[in-house]
Amino acid sequence: MTPLFYVRYVDIALVIDNVYIDEILIKFNSYHIRLQFTMEIGGDLLNFLDICLIKKEETFIFDWYHKFTFSGRFFNYNTSHSVKKFARLLI
């Protein structure tokens, strides 16, 4: 059982044959009792981090994805706040 596509960061995106879906989830959830995964079956569309993966025929198309709560605001890199103060704001 080799995935056709596998990416991980905070979330995991995985493309596998439908036969192995339950087996993969059980395997991931068996690593640690406090680390439990959930699954979304994307079909031809999967939103992963800031990317929308679209399966079209035998290829993948990558597009931007934003949650409905996305405000479009970003912190300016040249802000006068120190990196430590900025890091505390994010926690």
PDB file of N, CA and C in Angstrom:
ATOM      1  N   MET A   1       0.838  -1.168   0.000  1.00  0.00           N
ATOM      2  CA  MET A   1       0.000   0.000   0.000  1.00  0.00           C
ATOM      3  C   MET A   1       0.889   1.238   0.000  1.00  0.00           C
ATOM      4  N   THR A   2       1.177   1.760  -1.164  1.00  0.00           N
ATOM      5  CA  THR A   2       1.978   2.971  -1.311  1.00  0.00           C
ATOM      6  C   THR A   2       1.064   4.119  -1.716  1.00  0.00           C
ATOM      7  N   PRO A   3       1.086   5.234  -0.949  1.00  0.00           N
ATOM      8  CA  PRO A   3       0.232   6.370  -1.311  1.00  0.00           C
ATOM      9  C   PRO A   3       0.627   6.956  -2.660  1.00  0.00           C
ATOM     10  N   LEU A   4      -0.348   7.426  -3.409  1.00  0.00           N
ATOM     11  CA  LEU A   4      -0.067   8.110  -4.666  1.00  0.00           C
ATOM     12  C   LEU A   4       0.432   9.518  -4.406  1.00  0.00           C
ATOM     13  N   PHE A   5       0.031  10.085  -3.270  1.00  0.00           N
ATOM     14  CA  PHE A   5       0.364  11.457  -2.929  1.00  0.00           C
ATOM     15  C   PHE A   5       0.373  11.556  -1.412  1.00  0.00           C
ATOM     16  N   TYR A   6       1.416  12.152  -0.831  1.00  0.00           N
ATOM     17  CA  TYR A   6       1.506  12.284   0.621  1.00  0.00           C
ATOM     18  C   TYR A   6       2.194  13.594   0.951  1.00  0.00           C
ATOM     19  N   VAL A   7       1.523  14.454   1.726  1.00  0.00           N
ATOM     20  CA  VAL A   7       2.091  15.723   2.178  1.00  0.00           C
ATOM     21  C   VAL A   7       1.692  15.908   3.624  1.00  0.00           C
ATOM     22  N   ARG A   8       2.605  16.416   4.444  1.00  0.00           N
ATOM     23  CA  ARG A   8       2.222  16.703   5.817  1.00  0.00           C
ATOM     24  C   ARG A   8       2.875  17.990   6.280  1.00  0.00           C
ATOM     25  N   TYR A   9       2.190  18.681   7.141  1.00  0.00           N
ATOM     26  CA  TYR A   9       2.701  19.862   7.825  1.00  0.00           C
ATOM     27  C   TYR A   9       2.032  19.839   9.191  1.00  0.00           C
ATOM     28  N   VAL A  10       0.982  20.563   9.382  1.00  0.00           N
ATOM     29  CA  VAL A  10       0.168  20.429  10.576  1.00  0.00           C
ATOM     30  C   VAL A  10      -0.917  19.390  10.295  1.00  0.00           C
ATOM     31  N   ASP A  11      -1.424  19.417   9.090  1.00  0.00           N
ATOM     32  CA  ASP A  11      -2.390  18.431   8.619  1.00  0.00           C
ATOM     33  C   ASP A  11      -1.670  17.464   7.685  1.00  0.00           C
ATOM     34  N   ILE A  12      -2.339  16.417   7.336  1.00  0.00           N
ATOM     35  CA  ILE A  12      -1.779  15.437   6.406  1.00  0.00           C
ATOM     36  C   ILE A  12      -2.729  15.300   5.225  1.00  0.00           C
ATOM     37  N   ALA A  13      -2.196  15.369   4.021  1.00  0.00           N
ATOM     38  CA  ALA A  13      -2.979  15.087   2.820  1.00  0.00           C
ATOM     39  C   ALA A  13      -2.426  13.801   2.219  1.00  0.00           C
ATOM     40  N   LEU A  14      -3.307  12.891   1.932  1.00  0.00           N
ATOM     41  CA  LEU A  14      -2.891  11.573   1.487  1.00  0.00           C
ATOM     42  C   LEU A  14      -3.860  11.085   0.424  1.00  0.00           C
ATOM     43  N   VAL A  15      -3.324  10.584  -0.659  1.00  0.00           N
ATOM     44  CA  VAL A  15      -4.152   9.995  -1.711  1.00  0.00           C
ATOM     45  C   VAL A  15      -3.847   8.499  -1.747  1.00  0.00           C
ATOM     46  N   ILE A  16      -4.865   7.713  -1.440  1.00  0.00           N
ATOM     47  CA  ILE A  16      -4.707   6.257  -1.429  1.00  0.00           C
ATOM     48  C   ILE A  16      -5.949   5.624  -2.040  1.00  0.00           C
ATOM     49  N   ASP A  17      -5.847   4.338  -2.278  1.00  0.00           N
ATOM     50  CA  ASP A  17      -6.977   3.556  -2.776  1.00  0.00           C
ATOM     51  C   ASP A  17      -8.024   3.450  -1.670  1.00  0.00           C
ATOM     52  N   ASN A  18      -9.303   3.510  -2.029  1.00  0.00           N
ATOM     53  CA  ASN A  18     -10.397   3.459  -1.054  1.00  0.00           C
ATOM     54  C   ASN A  18     -10.348   2.232  -0.157  1.00  0.00           C
ATOM     55  N   VAL A  19      -9.762   1.167  -0.624  1.00  0.00           N
ATOM     56  CA  VAL A  19      -9.715  -0.086   0.146  1.00  0.00           C
ATOM     57  C   VAL A  19      -8.947   0.100   1.455  1.00  0.00           C
ATOM     58  N   TYR A  20      -7.964   0.998   1.477  1.00  0.00           N
ATOM     59  CA  TYR A  20      -7.067   1.144   2.631  1.00  0.00           C
ATOM     60  C   TYR A  20      -7.440   2.287   3.570  1.00  0.00           C
ATOM     61  N   ILE A  21      -8.545   2.970   3.349  1.00  0.00           N
ATOM     62  CA  ILE A  21      -8.868   4.161   4.139  1.00  0.00           C
ATOM     63  C   ILE A  21      -8.972   3.845   5.638  1.00  0.00           C
ATOM     64  N   ASP A  22      -9.760   2.872   6.007  1.00  0.00           N
ATOM     65  CA  ASP A  22      -9.930   2.542   7.430  1.00  0.00           C
ATOM     66  C   ASP A  22      -8.630   2.042   8.042  1.00  0.00           C
ATOM     67  N   GLU A  23      -7.897   1.246   7.301  1.00  0.00           N
ATOM     68  CA  GLU A  23      -6.626   0.704   7.782  1.00  0.00           C
ATOM     69  C   GLU A  23      -5.624   1.828   8.071  1.00  0.00           C
ATOM     70  N   ILE A  24      -5.549   2.819   7.200  1.00  0.00           N
ATOM     71  CA  ILE A  24      -4.633   3.950   7.389  1.00  0.00           C
ATOM     72  C   ILE A  24      -5.014   4.756   8.624  1.00  0.00           C
ATOM     73  N   LEU A  25      -6.298   5.049   8.807  1.00  0.00           N
ATOM     74  CA  LEU A  25      -6.747   5.820   9.965  1.00  0.00           C
ATOM     75  C   LEU A  25      -6.435   5.079  11.262  1.00  0.00           C
ATOM     76  N   ILE A  26      -6.667   3.790  11.295  1.00  0.00           N
ATOM     77  CA  ILE A  26      -6.345   2.989  12.479  1.00  0.00           C
ATOM     78  C   ILE A  26      -4.844   3.039  12.764  1.00  0.00           C
ATOM     79  N   LYS A  27      -4.038   2.934  11.735  1.00  0.00           N
ATOM     80  CA  LYS A  27      -2.583   2.968  11.895  1.00  0.00           C
ATOM     81  C   LYS A  27      -2.116   4.311  12.449  1.00  0.00           C
ATOM     82  N   PHE A  28      -2.609   5.425  11.876  1.00  0.00           N
ATOM     83  CA  PHE A  28      -2.231   6.745  12.373  1.00  0.00           C
ATOM     84  C   PHE A  28      -2.669   6.939  13.830  1.00  0.00           C
ATOM     85  N   ASN A  29      -3.875   6.501  14.169  1.00  0.00           N
ATOM     86  CA  ASN A  29      -4.392   6.675  15.523  1.00  0.00           C
ATOM     87  C   ASN A  29      -3.766   5.733  16.540  1.00  0.00           C
ATOM     88  N   SER A  30      -3.007   4.744  16.105  1.00  0.00           N
ATOM     89  CA  SER A  30      -2.374   3.802  17.031  1.00  0.00           C
ATOM     90  C   SER A  30      -1.017   4.281  17.542  1.00  0.00           C
ATOM     91  N   TYR A  31      -0.504   5.390  17.017  1.00  0.00           N
ATOM     92  CA  TYR A  31       0.828   5.850  17.434  1.00  0.00           C
ATOM     93  C   TYR A  31       0.846   6.363  18.868  1.00  0.00           C
ATOM     94  N   HIS A  32      -0.163   7.100  19.282  1.00  0.00           N
ATOM     95  CA  HIS A  32      -0.214   7.615  20.650  1.00  0.00           C
ATOM     96  C   HIS A  32      -1.670   7.873  21.017  1.00  0.00           C
ATOM     97  N   ILE A  33      -2.017   7.579  22.261  1.00  0.00           N
ATOM     98  CA  ILE A  33      -3.405   7.691  22.705  1.00  0.00           C
ATOM     99  C   ILE A  33      -3.906   9.134  22.653  1.00  0.00           C
ATOM    100  N   ARG A  34      -3.017  10.118  22.872  1.00  0.00           N
ATOM    101  CA  ARG A  34      -3.432  11.520  22.872  1.00  0.00           C
ATOM    102  C   ARG A  34      -3.323  12.174  21.499  1.00  0.00           C
ATOM    103  N   LEU A  35      -2.862  11.451  20.543  1.00  0.00           N
ATOM    104  CA  LEU A  35      -2.751  11.958  19.174  1.00  0.00           C
ATOM    105  C   LEU A  35      -3.736  11.175  18.317  1.00  0.00           C
ATOM    106  N   GLN A  36      -4.891  11.757  18.084  1.00  0.00           N
ATOM    107  CA  GLN A  36      -5.941  11.082  17.334  1.00  0.00           C
ATOM    108  C   GLN A  36      -6.301  11.904  16.094  1.00  0.00           C
ATOM    109  N   PHE A  37      -6.365  11.258  14.982  1.00  0.00           N
ATOM    110  CA  PHE A  37      -6.623  11.899  13.696  1.00  0.00           C
ATOM    111  C   PHE A  37      -8.081  11.736  13.295  1.00  0.00           C
ATOM    112  N   THR A  38      -8.556  12.677  12.503  1.00  0.00           N
ATOM    113  CA  THR A  38      -9.853  12.553  11.861  1.00  0.00           C
ATOM    114  C   THR A  38      -9.606  12.531  10.360  1.00  0.00           C
ATOM    115  N   MET A  39     -10.625  12.209   9.610  1.00  0.00           N
ATOM    116  CA  MET A  39     -10.434  12.056   8.175  1.00  0.00           C
ATOM    117  C   MET A  39     -11.512  12.813   7.416  1.00  0.00           C
ATOM    118  N   GLU A  40     -11.096  13.442   6.340  1.00  0.00           N
ATOM    119  CA  GLU A  40     -12.030  14.029   5.385  1.00  0.00           C
ATOM    120  C   GLU A  40     -11.770  13.364   4.049  1.00  0.00           C
ATOM    121  N   ILE A  41     -12.805  12.858   3.450  1.00  0.00           N
ATOM    122  CA  ILE A  41     -12.653  12.245   2.139  1.00  0.00           C
ATOM    123  C   ILE A  41     -12.999  13.313   1.116  1.00  0.00           C
ATOM    124  N   GLY A  42     -12.007  13.680   0.316  1.00  0.00           N
ATOM    125  CA  GLY A  42     -12.156  14.832  -0.547  1.00  0.00           C
ATOM    126  C   GLY A  42     -12.776  14.580  -1.894  1.00  0.00           C
ATOM    127  N   GLY A  43     -12.779  13.386  -2.369  1.00  0.00           N
ATOM    128  CA  GLY A  43     -13.283  13.139  -3.724  1.00  0.00           C
ATOM    129  C   GLY A  43     -12.380  13.814  -4.748  1.00  0.00           C
ATOM    130  N   ASP A  44     -12.938  14.694  -5.559  1.00  0.00           N
ATOM    131  CA  ASP A  44     -12.147  15.391  -6.570  1.00  0.00           C
ATOM    132  C   ASP A  44     -11.654  16.746  -6.097  1.00  0.00           C
ATOM    133  N   LEU A  45     -11.938  17.114  -4.831  1.00  0.00           N
ATOM    134  CA  LEU A  45     -11.553  18.412  -4.302  1.00  0.00           C
ATOM    135  C   LEU A  45     -11.124  18.246  -2.852  1.00  0.00           C
ATOM    136  N   LEU A  46      -9.959  18.782  -2.490  1.00  0.00           N
ATOM    137  CA  LEU A  46      -9.475  18.695  -1.124  1.00  0.00           C
ATOM    138  C   LEU A  46      -8.817  20.011  -0.746  1.00  0.00           C
ATOM    139  N   ASN A  47      -9.305  20.639   0.335  1.00  0.00           N
ATOM    140  CA  ASN A  47      -8.692  21.862   0.838  1.00  0.00           C
ATOM    141  C   ASN A  47      -7.665  21.479   1.886  1.00  0.00           C
ATOM    142  N   PHE A  48      -6.416  21.873   1.657  1.00  0.00           N
ATOM    143  CA  PHE A  48      -5.305  21.494   2.522  1.00  0.00           C
ATOM    144  C   PHE A  48      -4.458  22.732   2.773  1.00  0.00           C
ATOM    145  N   LEU A  49      -4.432  23.168   4.040  1.00  0.00           N
ATOM    146  CA  LEU A  49      -3.750  24.401   4.423  1.00  0.00           C
ATOM    147  C   LEU A  49      -4.302  25.546   3.581  1.00  0.00           C
ATOM    148  N   ASP A  50      -3.496  26.252   2.826  1.00  0.00           N
ATOM    149  CA  ASP A  50      -3.977  27.363   1.989  1.00  0.00           C
ATOM    150  C   ASP A  50      -4.100  26.962   0.530  1.00  0.00           C
ATOM    151  N   ILE A  51      -4.179  25.669   0.278  1.00  0.00           N
ATOM    152  CA  ILE A  51      -4.208  25.178  -1.092  1.00  0.00           C
ATOM    153  C   ILE A  51      -5.467  24.347  -1.322  1.00  0.00           C
ATOM    154  N   CYS A  52      -6.037  24.493  -2.483  1.00  0.00           N
ATOM    155  CA  CYS A  52      -7.156  23.670  -2.903  1.00  0.00           C
ATOM    156  C   CYS A  52      -6.630  22.708  -3.970  1.00  0.00           C
ATOM    157  N   LEU A  53      -6.640  21.419  -3.676  1.00  0.00           N
ATOM    158  CA  LEU A  53      -6.192  20.414  -4.637  1.00  0.00           C
ATOM    159  C   LEU A  53      -7.399  19.915  -5.404  1.00  0.00           C
ATOM    160  N   ILE A  54      -7.337  20.025  -6.710  1.00  0.00           N
ATOM    161  CA  ILE A  54      -8.433  19.613  -7.566  1.00  0.00           C
ATOM    162  C   ILE A  54      -7.939  18.501  -8.482  1.00  0.00           C
ATOM    163  N   LYS A  55      -8.616  17.356  -8.456  1.00  0.00           N
ATOM    164  CA  LYS A  55      -8.259  16.253  -9.343  1.00  0.00           C
ATOM    165  C   LYS A  55      -9.078  16.399 -10.617  1.00  0.00           C
ATOM    166  N   LYS A  56      -8.385  16.559 -11.717  1.00  0.00           N
ATOM    167  CA  LYS A  56      -9.057  16.683 -13.009  1.00  0.00           C
ATOM    168  C   LYS A  56      -8.442  15.655 -13.942  1.00  0.00           C
ATOM    169  N   GLU A  57      -9.245  14.683 -14.316  1.00  0.00           N
ATOM    170  CA  GLU A  57      -8.799  13.544 -15.122  1.00  0.00           C
ATOM    171  C   GLU A  57      -7.638  12.870 -14.401  1.00  0.00           C
ATOM    172  N   GLU A  58      -6.454  12.847 -14.960  1.00  0.00           N
ATOM    173  CA  GLU A  58      -5.314  12.162 -14.339  1.00  0.00           C
ATOM    174  C   GLU A  58      -4.278  13.128 -13.772  1.00  0.00           C
ATOM    175  N   THR A  59      -4.649  14.387 -13.549  1.00  0.00           N
ATOM    176  CA  THR A  59      -3.700  15.377 -13.027  1.00  0.00           C
ATOM    177  C   THR A  59      -4.296  16.094 -11.819  1.00  0.00           C
ATOM    178  N   PHE A  60      -3.451  16.812 -11.096  1.00  0.00           N
ATOM    179  CA  PHE A  60      -3.878  17.638  -9.986  1.00  0.00           C
ATOM    180  C   PHE A  60      -3.681  19.098 -10.344  1.00  0.00           C
ATOM    181  N   ILE A  61      -4.651  19.912  -9.998  1.00  0.00           N
ATOM    182  CA  ILE A  61      -4.566  21.359 -10.179  1.00  0.00           C
ATOM    183  C   ILE A  61      -4.502  21.957  -8.782  1.00  0.00           C
ATOM    184  N   PHE A  62      -3.583  22.883  -8.581  1.00  0.00           N
ATOM    185  CA  PHE A  62      -3.431  23.542  -7.294  1.00  0.00           C
ATOM    186  C   PHE A  62      -3.953  24.965  -7.400  1.00  0.00           C
ATOM    187  N   ASP A  63      -4.809  25.354  -6.454  1.00  0.00           N
ATOM    188  CA  ASP A  63      -5.376  26.691  -6.441  1.00  0.00           C
ATOM    189  C   ASP A  63      -5.328  27.213  -5.002  1.00  0.00           C
ATOM    190  N   TRP A  64      -5.541  28.514  -4.809  1.00  0.00           N
ATOM    191  CA  TRP A  64      -5.569  29.108  -3.474  1.00  0.00           C
ATOM    192  C   TRP A  64      -6.845  28.711  -2.760  1.00  0.00           C
ATOM    193  N   TYR A  65      -6.730  28.528  -1.448  1.00  0.00           N
ATOM    194  CA  TYR A  65      -7.904  28.259  -0.631  1.00  0.00           C
ATOM    195  C   TYR A  65      -7.861  29.164   0.594  1.00  0.00           C
ATOM    196  N   HIS A  66      -8.971  29.782   0.922  1.00  0.00           N
ATOM    197  CA  HIS A  66      -9.100  30.576   2.141  1.00  0.00           C
ATOM    198  C   HIS A  66     -10.366  30.141   2.856  1.00  0.00           C
ATOM    199  N   LYS A  67     -10.270  30.006   4.178  1.00  0.00           N
ATOM    200  CA  LYS A  67     -11.456  29.703   4.961  1.00  0.00           C
ATOM    201  C   LYS A  67     -12.396  30.893   4.917  1.00  0.00           C
ATOM    202  N   PHE A  68     -13.672  30.677   5.217  1.00  0.00           N
ATOM    203  CA  PHE A  68     -14.646  31.759   5.163  1.00  0.00           C
ATOM    204  C   PHE A  68     -14.333  32.848   6.192  1.00  0.00           C
ATOM    205  N   THR A  69     -13.504  32.539   7.200  1.00  0.00           N
ATOM    206  CA  THR A  69     -13.134  33.538   8.204  1.00  0.00           C
ATOM    207  C   THR A  69     -11.938  34.379   7.788  1.00  0.00           C
ATOM    208  N   PHE A  70     -11.345  34.112   6.634  1.00  0.00           N
ATOM    209  CA  PHE A  70     -10.174  34.851   6.161  1.00  0.00           C
ATOM    210  C   PHE A  70     -10.524  36.324   5.965  1.00  0.00           C
ATOM    211  N   SER A  71      -9.745  37.207   6.591  1.00  0.00           N
ATOM    212  CA  SER A  71     -10.037  38.641   6.529  1.00  0.00           C
ATOM    213  C   SER A  71      -9.227  39.355   5.451  1.00  0.00           C
ATOM    214  N   GLY A  72      -8.161  38.732   4.960  1.00  0.00           N
ATOM    215  CA  GLY A  72      -7.323  39.383   3.965  1.00  0.00           C
ATOM    216  C   GLY A  72      -6.275  40.288   4.589  1.00  0.00           C
ATOM    217  N   ARG A  73      -6.217  40.338   5.910  1.00  0.00           N
ATOM    218  CA  ARG A  73      -5.244  41.196   6.593  1.00  0.00           C
ATOM    219  C   ARG A  73      -3.985  40.406   6.923  1.00  0.00           C
ATOM    220  N   PHE A  74      -2.849  41.068   6.780  1.00  0.00           N
ATOM    221  CA  PHE A  74      -1.556  40.479   7.099  1.00  0.00           C
ATOM    222  C   PHE A  74      -0.760  41.464   7.945  1.00  0.00           C
ATOM    223  N   PHE A  75       0.157  40.961   8.749  1.00  0.00           N
ATOM    224  CA  PHE A  75       1.085  41.828   9.455  1.00  0.00           C
ATOM    225  C   PHE A  75       2.147  42.302   8.476  1.00  0.00           C
ATOM    226  N   ASN A  76       2.478  43.572   8.553  1.00  0.00           N
ATOM    227  CA  ASN A  76       3.555  44.120   7.729  1.00  0.00           C
ATOM    228  C   ASN A  76       4.882  43.585   8.249  1.00  0.00           C
ATOM    229  N   TYR A  77       5.716  43.079   7.359  1.00  0.00           N
ATOM    230  CA  TYR A  77       7.019  42.541   7.760  1.00  0.00           C
ATOM    231  C   TYR A  77       7.869  43.611   8.427  1.00  0.00           C
ATOM    232  N   ASN A  78       7.744  44.848   8.019  1.00  0.00           N
ATOM    233  CA  ASN A  78       8.557  45.942   8.539  1.00  0.00           C
ATOM    234  C   ASN A  78       7.915  46.625   9.741  1.00  0.00           C
ATOM    235  N   THR A  79       7.027  45.953  10.437  1.00  0.00           N
ATOM    236  CA  THR A  79       6.375  46.523  11.602  1.00  0.00           C
ATOM    237  C   THR A  79       7.394  46.874  12.672  1.00  0.00           C
ATOM    238  N   SER A  80       7.072  47.818  13.528  1.00  0.00           N
ATOM    239  CA  SER A  80       8.025  48.263  14.548  1.00  0.00           C
ATOM    240  C   SER A  80       8.048  47.350  15.770  1.00  0.00           C
ATOM    241  N   HIS A  81       7.233  46.311  15.800  1.00  0.00           N
ATOM    242  CA  HIS A  81       7.242  45.374  16.915  1.00  0.00           C
ATOM    243  C   HIS A  81       8.440  44.445  16.807  1.00  0.00           C
ATOM    244  N   SER A  82       9.012  44.115  17.953  1.00  0.00           N
ATOM    245  CA  SER A  82      10.121  43.159  17.937  1.00  0.00           C
ATOM    246  C   SER A  82       9.569  41.769  17.632  1.00  0.00           C
ATOM    247  N   VAL A  83      10.445  40.877  17.238  1.00  0.00           N
ATOM    248  CA  VAL A  83      10.029  39.508  16.909  1.00  0.00           C
ATOM    249  C   VAL A  83       9.465  38.826  18.169  1.00  0.00           C
ATOM    250  N   LYS A  84      10.069  39.070  19.337  1.00  0.00           N
ATOM    251  CA  LYS A  84       9.579  38.451  20.562  1.00  0.00           C
ATOM    252  C   LYS A  84       8.175  38.938  20.900  1.00  0.00           C
ATOM    253  N   LYS A  85       7.917  40.243  20.769  1.00  0.00           N
ATOM    254  CA  LYS A  85       6.585  40.770  21.053  1.00  0.00           C
ATOM    255  C   LYS A  85       5.585  40.187  20.059  1.00  0.00           C
ATOM    256  N   PHE A  86       5.988  40.084  18.812  1.00  0.00           N
ATOM    257  CA  PHE A  86       5.102  39.553  17.787  1.00  0.00           C
ATOM    258  C   PHE A  86       4.777  38.094  18.059  1.00  0.00           C
ATOM    259  N   ALA A  87       5.777  37.317  18.481  1.00  0.00           N
ATOM    260  CA  ALA A  87       5.559  35.896  18.782  1.00  0.00           C
ATOM    261  C   ALA A  87       4.579  35.747  19.928  1.00  0.00           C
ATOM    262  N   ARG A  88       4.635  36.631  20.945  1.00  0.00           N
ATOM    263  CA  ARG A  88       3.708  36.567  22.074  1.00  0.00           C
ATOM    264  C   ARG A  88       2.263  36.864  21.624  1.00  0.00           C
ATOM    265  N   LEU A  89       2.118  37.709  20.621  1.00  0.00           N
ATOM    266  CA  LEU A  89       0.785  38.017  20.115  1.00  0.00           C
ATOM    267  C   LEU A  89       0.129  36.795  19.482  1.00  0.00           C
ATOM    268  N   LEU A  90       0.936  35.921  18.917  1.00  0.00           N
ATOM    269  CA  LEU A  90       0.409  34.754  18.207  1.00  0.00           C
ATOM    270  C   LEU A  90       0.043  33.613  19.139  1.00  0.00           C
ATOM    271  N   ILE A  91       0.551  33.658  20.357  1.00  0.00           N
ATOM    272  CA  ILE A  91       0.312  32.546  21.308  1.00  0.00           C
ATOM    273  C   ILE A  91      -1.004  32.706  22.014  1.00  0.00           C
TER     274      ILE A  91
END
